[in-house]
């Protein structure tokens, strides 16, 4: 009597399901952190395309930046995480922040994010 393999057992299926569930859980914890980082990067790029940004006041630049972040529900970036330095052709904006999410019991995941953008677009500041 010859037996042939007929597929995965119920226990094997549960193990595969548990591993897939664990990785899905990790992904659900990490995805919002990276989505917020993408929002910061796109806000910086949008700000760099703003006419007259190279000659704008630093307070106005920060206000425009945080308005763009507010639209995307980004709440981990604070004003103390933003640094503006004057360059030859305009401003250099650096955003450095950290996000800490609880994973399981006393295990946390920490993401450190850094973004830099040159703000050199000259033009009419009122358009």
PDB file of N, CA and C in Angstrom:
ATOM      1  N   UNK A   1       0.850  -1.168   0.000  1.00  0.00           N
ATOM      2  CA  UNK A   1       0.000   0.000   0.000  1.00  0.00           C
ATOM      3  C   UNK A   1       0.901   1.238   0.000  1.00  0.00           C
ATOM      4  N   UNK A   2       0.756   2.055  -1.018  1.00  0.00           N
ATOM      5  CA  UNK A   2       1.595   3.226  -1.186  1.00  0.00           C
ATOM      6  C   UNK A   2       0.809   4.482  -0.786  1.00  0.00           C
ATOM      7  N   UNK A   3       1.415   5.293   0.134  1.00  0.00           N
ATOM      8  CA  UNK A   3       0.771   6.546   0.565  1.00  0.00           C
ATOM      9  C   UNK A   3       1.386   7.708  -0.205  1.00  0.00           C
ATOM     10  N   UNK A   4       0.548   8.623  -0.603  1.00  0.00           N
ATOM     11  CA  UNK A   4       1.038   9.817  -1.276  1.00  0.00           C
ATOM     12  C   UNK A   4       0.799  11.020  -0.367  1.00  0.00           C
ATOM     13  N   UNK A   5       1.656  11.997  -0.538  1.00  0.00           N
ATOM     14  CA  UNK A   5       1.508  13.205   0.268  1.00  0.00           C
ATOM     15  C   UNK A   5       0.289  13.962  -0.228  1.00  0.00           C
ATOM     16  N   UNK A   6      -0.562  14.385   0.712  1.00  0.00           N
ATOM     17  CA  UNK A   6      -1.821  14.996   0.294  1.00  0.00           C
ATOM     18  C   UNK A   6      -1.912  16.483   0.589  1.00  0.00           C
ATOM     19  N   UNK A   7      -0.893  17.100   1.191  1.00  0.00           N
ATOM     20  CA  UNK A   7      -0.951  18.538   1.443  1.00  0.00           C
ATOM     21  C   UNK A   7      -0.512  18.881   2.855  1.00  0.00           C
ATOM     22  N   UNK A   8      -0.787  20.094   3.238  1.00  0.00           N
ATOM     23  CA  UNK A   8      -0.365  20.598   4.546  1.00  0.00           C
ATOM     24  C   UNK A   8      -1.324  20.108   5.632  1.00  0.00           C
ATOM     25  N   UNK A   9      -0.783  19.827   6.782  1.00  0.00           N
ATOM     26  CA  UNK A   9      -1.627  19.396   7.901  1.00  0.00           C
ATOM     27  C   UNK A   9      -2.233  20.614   8.574  1.00  0.00           C
ATOM     28  N   UNK A  10      -3.184  20.377   9.434  1.00  0.00           N
ATOM     29  CA  UNK A  10      -3.841  21.466  10.144  1.00  0.00           C
ATOM     30  C   UNK A  10      -2.858  22.196  11.054  1.00  0.00           C
ATOM     31  N   UNK A  11      -1.990  21.467  11.718  1.00  0.00           N
ATOM     32  CA  UNK A  11      -0.977  22.076  12.597  1.00  0.00           C
ATOM     33  C   UNK A  11      -0.008  22.914  11.745  1.00  0.00           C
ATOM     34  N   UNK A  12       0.412  22.409  10.626  1.00  0.00           N
ATOM     35  CA  UNK A  12       1.299  23.155   9.739  1.00  0.00           C
ATOM     36  C   UNK A  12       0.634  24.431   9.246  1.00  0.00           C
ATOM     37  N   UNK A  13      -0.648  24.331   8.924  1.00  0.00           N
ATOM     38  CA  UNK A  13      -1.394  25.507   8.494  1.00  0.00           C
ATOM     39  C   UNK A  13      -1.455  26.555   9.595  1.00  0.00           C
ATOM     40  N   UNK A  14      -1.665  26.135  10.841  1.00  0.00           N
ATOM     41  CA  UNK A  14      -1.715  27.064  11.967  1.00  0.00           C
ATOM     42  C   UNK A  14      -0.366  27.756  12.194  1.00  0.00           C
ATOM     43  N   UNK A  15       0.722  27.010  12.016  1.00  0.00           N
ATOM     44  CA  UNK A  15       2.055  27.594  12.170  1.00  0.00           C
ATOM     45  C   UNK A  15       2.285  28.651  11.084  1.00  0.00           C
ATOM     46  N   UNK A  16       1.960  28.336   9.846  1.00  0.00           N
ATOM     47  CA  UNK A  16       2.110  29.297   8.748  1.00  0.00           C
ATOM     48  C   UNK A  16       1.222  30.523   9.002  1.00  0.00           C
ATOM     49  N   UNK A  17       0.016  30.311   9.470  1.00  0.00           N
ATOM     50  CA  UNK A  17      -0.901  31.403   9.771  1.00  0.00           C
ATOM     51  C   UNK A  17      -0.366  32.283  10.903  1.00  0.00           C
ATOM     52  N   UNK A  18       0.225  31.684  11.926  1.00  0.00           N
ATOM     53  CA  UNK A  18       0.787  32.450  13.041  1.00  0.00           C
ATOM     54  C   UNK A  18       1.970  33.305  12.581  1.00  0.00           C
ATOM     55  N   UNK A  19       2.842  32.745  11.758  1.00  0.00           N
ATOM     56  CA  UNK A  19       3.993  33.500  11.255  1.00  0.00           C
ATOM     57  C   UNK A  19       3.518  34.652  10.365  1.00  0.00           C
ATOM     58  N   UNK A  20       2.582  34.395   9.493  1.00  0.00           N
ATOM     59  CA  UNK A  20       2.044  35.443   8.615  1.00  0.00           C
ATOM     60  C   UNK A  20       1.338  36.523   9.449  1.00  0.00           C
ATOM     61  N   UNK A  21       0.624  36.121  10.483  1.00  0.00           N
ATOM     62  CA  UNK A  21      -0.050  37.076  11.362  1.00  0.00           C
ATOM     63  C   UNK A  21       0.942  37.951  12.111  1.00  0.00           C
ATOM     64  N   UNK A  22       2.041  37.362  12.554  1.00  0.00           N
ATOM     65  CA  UNK A  22       3.075  38.120  13.258  1.00  0.00           C
ATOM     66  C   UNK A  22       3.674  39.191  12.349  1.00  0.00           C
ATOM     67  N   UNK A  23       4.016  38.827  11.121  1.00  0.00           N
ATOM     68  CA  UNK A  23       4.581  39.794  10.194  1.00  0.00           C
ATOM     69  C   UNK A  23       3.555  40.856   9.782  1.00  0.00           C
ATOM     70  N   UNK A  24       2.300  40.493   9.687  1.00  0.00           N
ATOM     71  CA  UNK A  24       1.252  41.473   9.393  1.00  0.00           C
ATOM     72  C   UNK A  24       1.114  42.460  10.553  1.00  0.00           C
ATOM     73  N   UNK A  25       1.229  41.976  11.781  1.00  0.00           N
ATOM     74  CA  UNK A  25       1.152  42.831  12.963  1.00  0.00           C
ATOM     75  C   UNK A  25       2.324  43.821  12.995  1.00  0.00           C
ATOM     76  N   UNK A  26       3.517  43.329  12.687  1.00  0.00           N
ATOM     77  CA  UNK A  26       4.706  44.196  12.633  1.00  0.00           C
ATOM     78  C   UNK A  26       4.506  45.267  11.545  1.00  0.00           C
ATOM     79  N   UNK A  27       4.014  44.854  10.399  1.00  0.00           N
ATOM     80  CA  UNK A  27       3.771  45.795   9.309  1.00  0.00           C
ATOM     81  C   UNK A  27       2.746  46.855   9.674  1.00  0.00           C
ATOM     82  N   UNK A  28       1.706  46.470  10.407  1.00  0.00           N
ATOM     83  CA  UNK A  28       0.688  47.441  10.816  1.00  0.00           C
ATOM     84  C   UNK A  28       1.255  48.444  11.815  1.00  0.00           C
ATOM     85  N   UNK A  29       2.250  48.063  12.576  1.00  0.00           N
ATOM     86  CA  UNK A  29       2.883  48.991  13.513  1.00  0.00           C
ATOM     87  C   UNK A  29       3.875  49.918  12.806  1.00  0.00           C
ATOM     88  N   UNK A  30       4.580  49.407  11.802  1.00  0.00           N
ATOM     89  CA  UNK A  30       5.612  50.191  11.126  1.00  0.00           C
ATOM     90  C   UNK A  30       5.069  51.080  10.014  1.00  0.00           C
ATOM     91  N   UNK A  31       4.024  50.673   9.340  1.00  0.00           N
ATOM     92  CA  UNK A  31       3.501  51.412   8.195  1.00  0.00           C
ATOM     93  C   UNK A  31       3.161  52.868   8.513  1.00  0.00           C
ATOM     94  N   UNK A  32       2.454  53.169   9.623  1.00  0.00           N
ATOM     95  CA  UNK A  32       2.140  54.580   9.903  1.00  0.00           C
ATOM     96  C   UNK A  32       3.376  55.453  10.120  1.00  0.00           C
ATOM     97  N   UNK A  33       4.435  54.878  10.679  1.00  0.00           N
ATOM     98  CA  UNK A  33       5.666  55.639  10.890  1.00  0.00           C
ATOM     99  C   UNK A  33       6.265  56.062   9.555  1.00  0.00           C
ATOM    100  N   UNK A  34       6.335  55.144   8.622  1.00  0.00           N
ATOM    101  CA  UNK A  34       6.909  55.448   7.314  1.00  0.00           C
ATOM    102  C   UNK A  34       5.961  56.293   6.463  1.00  0.00           C
ATOM    103  N   UNK A  35       4.672  56.152   6.661  1.00  0.00           N
ATOM    104  CA  UNK A  35       3.721  56.995   5.954  1.00  0.00           C
ATOM    105  C   UNK A  35       3.875  58.449   6.402  1.00  0.00           C
ATOM    106  N   UNK A  36       4.101  58.651   7.696  1.00  0.00           N
ATOM    107  CA  UNK A  36       4.329  60.007   8.200  1.00  0.00           C
ATOM    108  C   UNK A  36       5.638  60.579   7.648  1.00  0.00           C
ATOM    109  N   UNK A  37       6.678  59.754   7.569  1.00  0.00           N
ATOM    110  CA  UNK A  37       7.947  60.202   7.001  1.00  0.00           C
ATOM    111  C   UNK A  37       7.760  60.619   5.539  1.00  0.00           C
ATOM    112  N   UNK A  38       6.980  59.865   4.796  1.00  0.00           N
ATOM    113  CA  UNK A  38       6.682  60.230   3.413  1.00  0.00           C
ATOM    114  C   UNK A  38       5.940  61.567   3.360  1.00  0.00           C
ATOM    115  N   UNK A  39       5.048  61.814   4.311  1.00  0.00           N
ATOM    116  CA  UNK A  39       4.337  63.091   4.374  1.00  0.00           C
ATOM    117  C   UNK A  39       5.295  64.245   4.641  1.00  0.00           C
ATOM    118  N   UNK A  40       6.283  64.017   5.516  1.00  0.00           N
ATOM    119  CA  UNK A  40       7.286  65.047   5.800  1.00  0.00           C
ATOM    120  C   UNK A  40       8.091  65.343   4.542  1.00  0.00           C
ATOM    121  N   UNK A  41       8.534  64.292   3.848  1.00  0.00           N
ATOM    122  CA  UNK A  41       9.313  64.480   2.617  1.00  0.00           C
ATOM    123  C   UNK A  41       8.503  65.219   1.549  1.00  0.00           C
ATOM    124  N   UNK A  42       7.243  64.864   1.385  1.00  0.00           N
ATOM    125  CA  UNK A  42       6.433  65.530   0.362  1.00  0.00           C
ATOM    126  C   UNK A  42       6.118  66.971   0.767  1.00  0.00           C
ATOM    127  N   UNK A  43       5.968  67.246   2.059  1.00  0.00           N
ATOM    128  CA  UNK A  43       5.752  68.619   2.510  1.00  0.00           C
ATOM    129  C   UNK A  43       7.000  69.460   2.243  1.00  0.00           C
ATOM    130  N   UNK A  44       8.178  68.882   2.458  1.00  0.00           N
ATOM    131  CA  UNK A  44       9.424  69.605   2.179  1.00  0.00           C
ATOM    132  C   UNK A  44       9.579  69.883   0.689  1.00  0.00           C
ATOM    133  N   UNK A  45       9.263  68.900  -0.148  1.00  0.00           N
ATOM    134  CA  UNK A  45       9.374  69.102  -1.598  1.00  0.00           C
ATOM    135  C   UNK A  45       8.374  70.138  -2.081  1.00  0.00           C
ATOM    136  N   UNK A  46       7.166  70.108  -1.537  1.00  0.00           N
ATOM    137  CA  UNK A  46       6.169  71.111  -1.900  1.00  0.00           C
ATOM    138  C   UNK A  46       6.590  72.504  -1.474  1.00  0.00           C
ATOM    139  N   UNK A  47       7.210  72.584  -0.313  1.00  0.00           N
ATOM    140  CA  UNK A  47       7.703  73.863   0.191  1.00  0.00           C
ATOM    141  C   UNK A  47       8.841  74.387  -0.680  1.00  0.00           C
ATOM    142  N   UNK A  48       9.670  73.492  -1.175  1.00  0.00           N
ATOM    143  CA  UNK A  48      10.791  73.894  -2.039  1.00  0.00           C
ATOM    144  C   UNK A  48      10.287  74.465  -3.358  1.00  0.00           C
ATOM    145  N   UNK A  49       9.094  74.075  -3.801  1.00  0.00           N
ATOM    146  CA  UNK A  49       8.525  74.581  -5.047  1.00  0.00           C
ATOM    147  C   UNK A  49       7.713  75.856  -4.866  1.00  0.00           C
ATOM    148  N   UNK A  50       7.596  76.310  -3.638  1.00  0.00           N
ATOM    149  CA  UNK A  50       6.837  77.529  -3.337  1.00  0.00           C
ATOM    150  C   UNK A  50       7.594  78.757  -3.871  1.00  0.00           C
ATOM    151  N   UNK A  51       6.935  79.630  -4.626  1.00  0.00           N
ATOM    152  CA  UNK A  51       7.624  80.824  -5.139  1.00  0.00           C
ATOM    153  C   UNK A  51       8.053  81.750  -3.997  1.00  0.00           C
ATOM    154  N   UNK A  52       9.252  82.262  -4.075  1.00  0.00           N
ATOM    155  CA  UNK A  52       9.754  83.208  -3.097  1.00  0.00           C
ATOM    156  C   UNK A  52      10.175  82.610  -1.771  1.00  0.00           C
ATOM    157  N   UNK A  53      10.291  81.309  -1.705  1.00  0.00           N
ATOM    158  CA  UNK A  53      10.620  80.654  -0.433  1.00  0.00           C
ATOM    159  C   UNK A  53      12.046  80.960   0.016  1.00  0.00           C
ATOM    160  N   UNK A  54      12.937  81.256  -0.918  1.00  0.00           N
ATOM    161  CA  UNK A  54      14.338  81.527  -0.581  1.00  0.00           C
ATOM    162  C   UNK A  54      14.496  82.820   0.199  1.00  0.00           C
ATOM    163  N   UNK A  55      13.558  83.745   0.039  1.00  0.00           N
ATOM    164  CA  UNK A  55      13.646  85.030   0.728  1.00  0.00           C
ATOM    165  C   UNK A  55      12.609  85.183   1.828  1.00  0.00           C
ATOM    166  N   UNK A  56      11.857  84.137   2.094  1.00  0.00           N
ATOM    167  CA  UNK A  56      10.789  84.209   3.098  1.00  0.00           C
ATOM    168  C   UNK A  56      11.359  84.214   4.512  1.00  0.00           C
ATOM    169  N   UNK A  57      10.549  84.685   5.429  1.00  0.00           N
ATOM    170  CA  UNK A  57      10.889  84.721   6.845  1.00  0.00           C
ATOM    171  C   UNK A  57      10.859  83.287   7.410  1.00  0.00           C
ATOM    172  N   UNK A  58      11.782  82.916   8.301  1.00  0.00           N
ATOM    173  CA  UNK A  58      11.791  81.555   8.857  1.00  0.00           C
ATOM    174  C   UNK A  58      10.483  81.167   9.552  1.00  0.00           C
ATOM    175  N   UNK A  59       9.840  82.112  10.224  1.00  0.00           N
ATOM    176  CA  UNK A  59       8.566  81.813  10.884  1.00  0.00           C
ATOM    177  C   UNK A  59       7.494  81.464   9.856  1.00  0.00           C
ATOM    178  N   UNK A  60       7.503  82.160   8.717  1.00  0.00           N
ATOM    179  CA  UNK A  60       6.529  81.865   7.661  1.00  0.00           C
ATOM    180  C   UNK A  60       6.816  80.496   7.043  1.00  0.00           C
ATOM    181  N   UNK A  61       8.092  80.175   6.859  1.00  0.00           N
ATOM    182  CA  UNK A  61       8.462  78.878   6.295  1.00  0.00           C
ATOM    183  C   UNK A  61       7.983  77.753   7.208  1.00  0.00           C
ATOM    184  N   UNK A  62       8.228  77.899   8.509  1.00  0.00           N
ATOM    185  CA  UNK A  62       7.782  76.874   9.452  1.00  0.00           C
ATOM    186  C   UNK A  62       6.270  76.767   9.464  1.00  0.00           C
ATOM    187  N   UNK A  63       5.580  77.900   9.408  1.00  0.00           N
ATOM    188  CA  UNK A  63       4.123  77.887   9.392  1.00  0.00           C
ATOM    189  C   UNK A  63       3.596  77.147   8.167  1.00  0.00           C
ATOM    190  N   UNK A  64       4.162  77.428   6.994  1.00  0.00           N
ATOM    191  CA  UNK A  64       3.749  76.725   5.775  1.00  0.00           C
ATOM    192  C   UNK A  64       4.023  75.225   5.871  1.00  0.00           C
ATOM    193  N   UNK A  65       5.171  74.874   6.440  1.00  0.00           N
ATOM    194  CA  UNK A  65       5.537  73.462   6.594  1.00  0.00           C
ATOM    195  C   UNK A  65       4.544  72.736   7.503  1.00  0.00           C
ATOM    196  N   UNK A  66       4.235  73.327   8.663  1.00  0.00           N
ATOM    197  CA  UNK A  66       3.332  72.660   9.594  1.00  0.00           C
ATOM    198  C   UNK A  66       1.889  72.652   9.102  1.00  0.00           C
ATOM    199  N   UNK A  67       1.508  73.599   8.274  1.00  0.00           N
ATOM    200  CA  UNK A  67       0.175  73.543   7.656  1.00  0.00           C
ATOM    201  C   UNK A  67       0.080  72.345   6.716  1.00  0.00           C
ATOM    202  N   UNK A  68       1.150  72.110   5.971  1.00  0.00           N
ATOM    203  CA  UNK A  68       1.163  70.944   5.070  1.00  0.00           C
ATOM    204  C   UNK A  68       1.129  69.641   5.867  1.00  0.00           C
ATOM    205  N   UNK A  69       1.828  69.598   6.989  1.00  0.00           N
ATOM    206  CA  UNK A  69       1.806  68.391   7.815  1.00  0.00           C
ATOM    207  C   UNK A  69       0.444  68.186   8.477  1.00  0.00           C
ATOM    208  N   UNK A  70      -0.202  69.274   8.868  1.00  0.00           N
ATOM    209  CA  UNK A  70      -1.511  69.191   9.510  1.00  0.00           C
ATOM    210  C   UNK A  70      -2.529  68.527   8.590  1.00  0.00           C
ATOM    211  N   UNK A  71      -2.428  68.816   7.303  1.00  0.00           N
ATOM    212  CA  UNK A  71      -3.341  68.214   6.327  1.00  0.00           C
ATOM    213  C   UNK A  71      -3.183  66.699   6.303  1.00  0.00           C
ATOM    214  N   UNK A  72      -1.948  66.215   6.503  1.00  0.00           N
ATOM    215  CA  UNK A  72      -1.665  64.777   6.450  1.00  0.00           C
ATOM    216  C   UNK A  72      -1.741  64.093   7.810  1.00  0.00           C
ATOM    217  N   UNK A  73      -2.246  64.779   8.837  1.00  0.00           N
ATOM    218  CA  UNK A  73      -2.405  64.225  10.183  1.00  0.00           C
ATOM    219  C   UNK A  73      -1.087  63.732  10.771  1.00  0.00           C
ATOM    220  N   UNK A  74      -0.012  64.451  10.518  1.00  0.00           N
ATOM    221  CA  UNK A  74       1.286  64.102  11.086  1.00  0.00           C
ATOM    222  C   UNK A  74       1.418  64.802  12.421  1.00  0.00           C
ATOM    223  N   UNK A  75       1.514  64.032  13.495  1.00  0.00           N
ATOM    224  CA  UNK A  75       1.564  64.647  14.816  1.00  0.00           C
ATOM    225  C   UNK A  75       2.843  64.353  15.596  1.00  0.00           C
ATOM    226  N   UNK A  76       3.795  63.651  15.015  1.00  0.00           N
ATOM    227  CA  UNK A  76       5.044  63.355  15.717  1.00  0.00           C
ATOM    228  C   UNK A  76       6.128  64.398  15.484  1.00  0.00           C
ATOM    229  N   UNK A  77       5.975  65.238  14.476  1.00  0.00           N
ATOM    230  CA  UNK A  77       6.962  66.275  14.188  1.00  0.00           C
ATOM    231  C   UNK A  77       6.559  67.539  14.941  1.00  0.00           C
ATOM    232  N   UNK A  78       7.447  68.010  15.774  1.00  0.00           N
ATOM    233  CA  UNK A  78       7.218  69.199  16.588  1.00  0.00           C
ATOM    234  C   UNK A  78       8.135  70.330  16.110  1.00  0.00           C
ATOM    235  N   UNK A  79       7.827  71.577  16.469  1.00  0.00           N
ATOM    236  CA  UNK A  79       8.684  72.696  16.047  1.00  0.00           C
ATOM    237  C   UNK A  79      10.141  72.555  16.483  1.00  0.00           C
ATOM    238  N   UNK A  80      10.400  71.911  17.599  1.00  0.00           N
ATOM    239  CA  UNK A  80      11.789  71.735  18.033  1.00  0.00           C
ATOM    240  C   UNK A  80      12.547  70.713  17.177  1.00  0.00           C
ATOM    241  N   UNK A  81      11.842  69.961  16.336  1.00  0.00           N
ATOM    242  CA  UNK A  81      12.478  68.999  15.434  1.00  0.00           C
ATOM    243  C   UNK A  81      12.888  69.623  14.102  1.00  0.00           C
ATOM    244  N   UNK A  82      12.524  70.889  13.884  1.00  0.00           N
ATOM    245  CA  UNK A  82      12.778  71.560  12.613  1.00  0.00           C
ATOM    246  C   UNK A  82      13.881  72.593  12.808  1.00  0.00           C
ATOM    247  N   UNK A  83      14.862  72.560  11.905  1.00  0.00           N
ATOM    248  CA  UNK A  83      15.978  73.502  11.976  1.00  0.00           C
ATOM    249  C   UNK A  83      16.149  74.156  10.605  1.00  0.00           C
ATOM    250  N   UNK A  84      16.169  75.491  10.593  1.00  0.00           N
ATOM    251  CA  UNK A  84      16.389  76.256   9.374  1.00  0.00           C
ATOM    252  C   UNK A  84      17.738  76.946   9.471  1.00  0.00           C
ATOM    253  N   UNK A  85      18.566  76.776   8.435  1.00  0.00           N
ATOM    254  CA  UNK A  85      19.852  77.474   8.382  1.00  0.00           C
ATOM    255  C   UNK A  85      19.930  78.234   7.061  1.00  0.00           C
ATOM    256  N   UNK A  86      20.532  79.400   7.136  1.00  0.00           N
ATOM    257  CA  UNK A  86      20.650  80.262   5.959  1.00  0.00           C
ATOM    258  C   UNK A  86      21.823  79.816   5.110  1.00  0.00           C
ATOM    259  N   UNK A  87      21.601  79.742   3.811  1.00  0.00           N
ATOM    260  CA  UNK A  87      22.655  79.396   2.873  1.00  0.00           C
ATOM    261  C   UNK A  87      22.877  80.525   1.892  1.00  0.00           C
ATOM    262  N   UNK A  88      23.714  80.287   0.910  1.00  0.00           N
ATOM    263  CA  UNK A  88      24.005  81.309  -0.103  1.00  0.00           C
ATOM    264  C   UNK A  88      22.788  81.640  -0.954  1.00  0.00           C
ATOM    265  N   UNK A  89      22.063  80.605  -1.378  1.00  0.00           N
ATOM    266  CA  UNK A  89      20.961  80.789  -2.322  1.00  0.00           C
ATOM    267  C   UNK A  89      19.585  80.741  -1.676  1.00  0.00           C
ATOM    268  N   UNK A  90      19.521  80.522  -0.364  1.00  0.00           N
ATOM    269  CA  UNK A  90      18.222  80.430   0.292  1.00  0.00           C
ATOM    270  C   UNK A  90      18.342  79.785   1.666  1.00  0.00           C
ATOM    271  N   UNK A  91      17.427  78.893   1.956  1.00  0.00           N
ATOM    272  CA  UNK A  91      17.373  78.225   3.247  1.00  0.00           C
ATOM    273  C   UNK A  91      17.637  76.735   3.092  1.00  0.00           C
ATOM    274  N   UNK A  92      18.111  76.134   4.156  1.00  0.00           N
ATOM    275  CA  UNK A  92      18.248  74.677   4.239  1.00  0.00           C
ATOM    276  C   UNK A  92      17.406  74.247   5.439  1.00  0.00           C
ATOM    277  N   UNK A  93      16.440  73.390   5.190  1.00  0.00           N
ATOM    278  CA  UNK A  93      15.526  72.949   6.243  1.00  0.00           C
ATOM    279  C   UNK A  93      15.812  71.497   6.582  1.00  0.00           C
ATOM    280  N   UNK A  94      16.057  71.256   7.857  1.00  0.00           N
ATOM    281  CA  UNK A  94      16.322  69.905   8.354  1.00  0.00           C
ATOM    282  C   UNK A  94      15.224  69.518   9.329  1.00  0.00           C
ATOM    283  N   UNK A  95      14.703  68.306   9.163  1.00  0.00           N
ATOM    284  CA  UNK A  95      13.689  67.778  10.063  1.00  0.00           C
ATOM    285  C   UNK A  95      14.228  66.462  10.609  1.00  0.00           C
ATOM    286  N   UNK A  96      14.470  66.426  11.911  1.00  0.00           N
ATOM    287  CA  UNK A  96      14.982  65.232  12.593  1.00  0.00           C
ATOM    288  C   UNK A  96      14.031  64.899  13.738  1.00  0.00           C
ATOM    289  N   UNK A  97      13.418  63.733  13.674  1.00  0.00           N
ATOM    290  CA  UNK A  97      12.493  63.346  14.733  1.00  0.00           C
ATOM    291  C   UNK A  97      12.550  61.841  14.963  1.00  0.00           C
ATOM    292  N   UNK A  98      11.951  61.436  16.067  1.00  0.00           N
ATOM    293  CA  UNK A  98      11.959  60.038  16.484  1.00  0.00           C
ATOM    294  C   UNK A  98      10.534  59.625  16.827  1.00  0.00           C
ATOM    295  N   UNK A  99      10.177  58.424  16.427  1.00  0.00           N
ATOM    296  CA  UNK A  99       8.860  57.882  16.726  1.00  0.00           C
ATOM    297  C   UNK A  99       9.048  56.575  17.495  1.00  0.00           C
ATOM    298  N   UNK A 100       8.347  56.446  18.601  1.00  0.00           N
ATOM    299  CA  UNK A 100       8.413  55.232  19.422  1.00  0.00           C
ATOM    300  C   UNK A 100       7.011  54.639  19.507  1.00  0.00           C
ATOM    301  N   UNK A 101       6.897  53.392  19.089  1.00  0.00           N
ATOM    302  CA  UNK A 101       5.612  52.685  19.127  1.00  0.00           C
ATOM    303  C   UNK A 101       5.752  51.440  19.985  1.00  0.00           C
ATOM    304  N   UNK A 102       4.757  51.195  20.802  1.00  0.00           N
ATOM    305  CA  UNK A 102       4.740  49.984  21.615  1.00  0.00           C
ATOM    306  C   UNK A 102       4.442  48.791  20.712  1.00  0.00           C
ATOM    307  N   UNK A 103       5.234  47.730  20.854  1.00  0.00           N
ATOM    308  CA  UNK A 103       5.057  46.561  20.001  1.00  0.00           C
ATOM    309  C   UNK A 103       4.290  45.477  20.769  1.00  0.00           C
ATOM    310  N   UNK A 104       4.981  44.815  21.678  1.00  0.00           N
ATOM    311  CA  UNK A 104       4.394  43.746  22.473  1.00  0.00           C
ATOM    312  C   UNK A 104       4.884  43.908  23.899  1.00  0.00           C
ATOM    313  N   UNK A 105       3.978  44.018  24.844  1.00  0.00           N
ATOM    314  CA  UNK A 105       4.278  44.134  26.261  1.00  0.00           C
ATOM    315  C   UNK A 105       5.304  45.230  26.516  1.00  0.00           C
ATOM    316  N   UNK A 106       6.557  44.909  26.827  1.00  0.00           N
ATOM    317  CA  UNK A 106       7.563  45.936  27.110  1.00  0.00           C
ATOM    318  C   UNK A 106       8.556  46.104  25.954  1.00  0.00           C
ATOM    319  N   UNK A 107       8.199  45.632  24.789  1.00  0.00           N
ATOM    320  CA  UNK A 107       9.050  45.747  23.612  1.00  0.00           C
ATOM    321  C   UNK A 107       8.529  46.890  22.732  1.00  0.00           C
ATOM    322  N   UNK A 108       9.411  47.857  22.464  1.00  0.00           N
ATOM    323  CA  UNK A 108       9.057  49.003  21.625  1.00  0.00           C
ATOM    324  C   UNK A 108       9.868  48.973  20.345  1.00  0.00           C
ATOM    325  N   UNK A 109       9.335  49.623  19.326  1.00  0.00           N
ATOM    326  CA  UNK A 109      10.085  49.837  18.098  1.00  0.00           C
ATOM    327  C   UNK A 109      10.301  51.350  17.977  1.00  0.00           C
ATOM    328  N   UNK A 110      11.522  51.735  17.643  1.00  0.00           N
ATOM    329  CA  UNK A 110      11.882  53.146  17.549  1.00  0.00           C
ATOM    330  C   UNK A 110      12.340  53.439  16.129  1.00  0.00           C
ATOM    331  N   UNK A 111      11.787  54.477  15.558  1.00  0.00           N
ATOM    332  CA  UNK A 111      12.194  54.923  14.232  1.00  0.00           C
ATOM    333  C   UNK A 111      12.791  56.313  14.323  1.00  0.00           C
ATOM    334  N   UNK A 112      13.986  56.488  13.794  1.00  0.00           N
ATOM    335  CA  UNK A 112      14.624  57.800  13.740  1.00  0.00           C
ATOM    336  C   UNK A 112      14.613  58.250  12.288  1.00  0.00           C
ATOM    337  N   UNK A 113      14.071  59.419  12.046  1.00  0.00           N
ATOM    338  CA  UNK A 113      13.894  59.903  10.692  1.00  0.00           C
ATOM    339  C   UNK A 113      14.577  61.256  10.517  1.00  0.00           C
ATOM    340  N   UNK A 114      15.281  61.407   9.411  1.00  0.00           N
ATOM    341  CA  UNK A 114      15.975  62.641   9.066  1.00  0.00           C
ATOM    342  C   UNK A 114      15.617  63.007   7.629  1.00  0.00           C
ATOM    343  N   UNK A 115      15.260  64.259   7.427  1.00  0.00           N
ATOM    344  CA  UNK A 115      14.962  64.750   6.077  1.00  0.00           C
ATOM    345  C   UNK A 115      15.577  66.139   5.929  1.00  0.00           C
ATOM    346  N   UNK A 116      16.194  66.396   4.784  1.00  0.00           N
ATOM    347  CA  UNK A 116      16.833  67.682   4.500  1.00  0.00           C
ATOM    348  C   UNK A 116      16.354  68.159   3.135  1.00  0.00           C
ATOM    349  N   UNK A 117      16.058  69.464   3.048  1.00  0.00           N
ATOM    350  CA  UNK A 117      15.622  70.034   1.777  1.00  0.00           C
ATOM    351  C   UNK A 117      16.196  71.435   1.626  1.00  0.00           C
ATOM    352  N   UNK A 118      16.738  71.715   0.456  1.00  0.00           N
ATOM    353  CA  UNK A 118      17.201  73.056   0.121  1.00  0.00           C
ATOM    354  C   UNK A 118      15.998  73.856  -0.377  1.00  0.00           C
ATOM    355  N   UNK A 119      15.808  75.039   0.184  1.00  0.00           N
ATOM    356  CA  UNK A 119      14.715  75.917  -0.216  1.00  0.00           C
ATOM    357  C   UNK A 119      15.335  77.104  -0.944  1.00  0.00           C
ATOM    358  N   UNK A 120      15.491  76.969  -2.247  1.00  0.00           N
ATOM    359  CA  UNK A 120      16.232  77.986  -3.017  1.00  0.00           C
ATOM    360  C   UNK A 120      15.418  78.629  -4.120  1.00  0.00           C
ATOM    361  N   UNK A 121      14.156  78.369  -4.183  1.00  0.00           N
ATOM    362  CA  UNK A 121      13.366  78.909  -5.292  1.00  0.00           C
ATOM    363  C   UNK A 121      13.101  80.393  -5.070  1.00  0.00           C
ATOM    364  N   UNK A 122      13.595  81.213  -5.967  1.00  0.00           N
ATOM    365  CA  UNK A 122      13.352  82.655  -5.912  1.00  0.00           C
ATOM    366  C   UNK A 122      12.108  82.958  -6.732  1.00  0.00           C
ATOM    367  N   UNK A 123      11.559  84.123  -6.530  1.00  0.00           N
ATOM    368  CA  UNK A 123      10.378  84.510  -7.293  1.00  0.00           C
ATOM    369  C   UNK A 123       9.525  85.441  -6.480  1.00  0.00           C
ATOM    370  N   UNK A 124       8.335  85.686  -6.969  1.00  0.00           N
ATOM    371  CA  UNK A 124       7.412  86.587  -6.299  1.00  0.00           C
ATOM    372  C   UNK A 124       6.827  85.885  -5.080  1.00  0.00           C
ATOM    373  N   UNK A 125       7.004  86.443  -3.925  1.00  0.00           N
ATOM    374  CA  UNK A 125       6.548  85.829  -2.681  1.00  0.00           C
ATOM    375  C   UNK A 125       5.040  85.917  -2.534  1.00  0.00           C
ATOM    376  N   UNK A 126       4.361  86.798  -3.255  1.00  0.00           N
ATOM    377  CA  UNK A 126       2.924  86.976  -3.089  1.00  0.00           C
ATOM    378  C   UNK A 126       2.100  86.103  -4.030  1.00  0.00           C
ATOM    379  N   UNK A 127       2.713  85.380  -4.968  1.00  0.00           N
ATOM    380  CA  UNK A 127       1.922  84.582  -5.902  1.00  0.00           C
ATOM    381  C   UNK A 127       1.587  83.248  -5.340  1.00  0.00           C
TER     382      UNK A 127
END
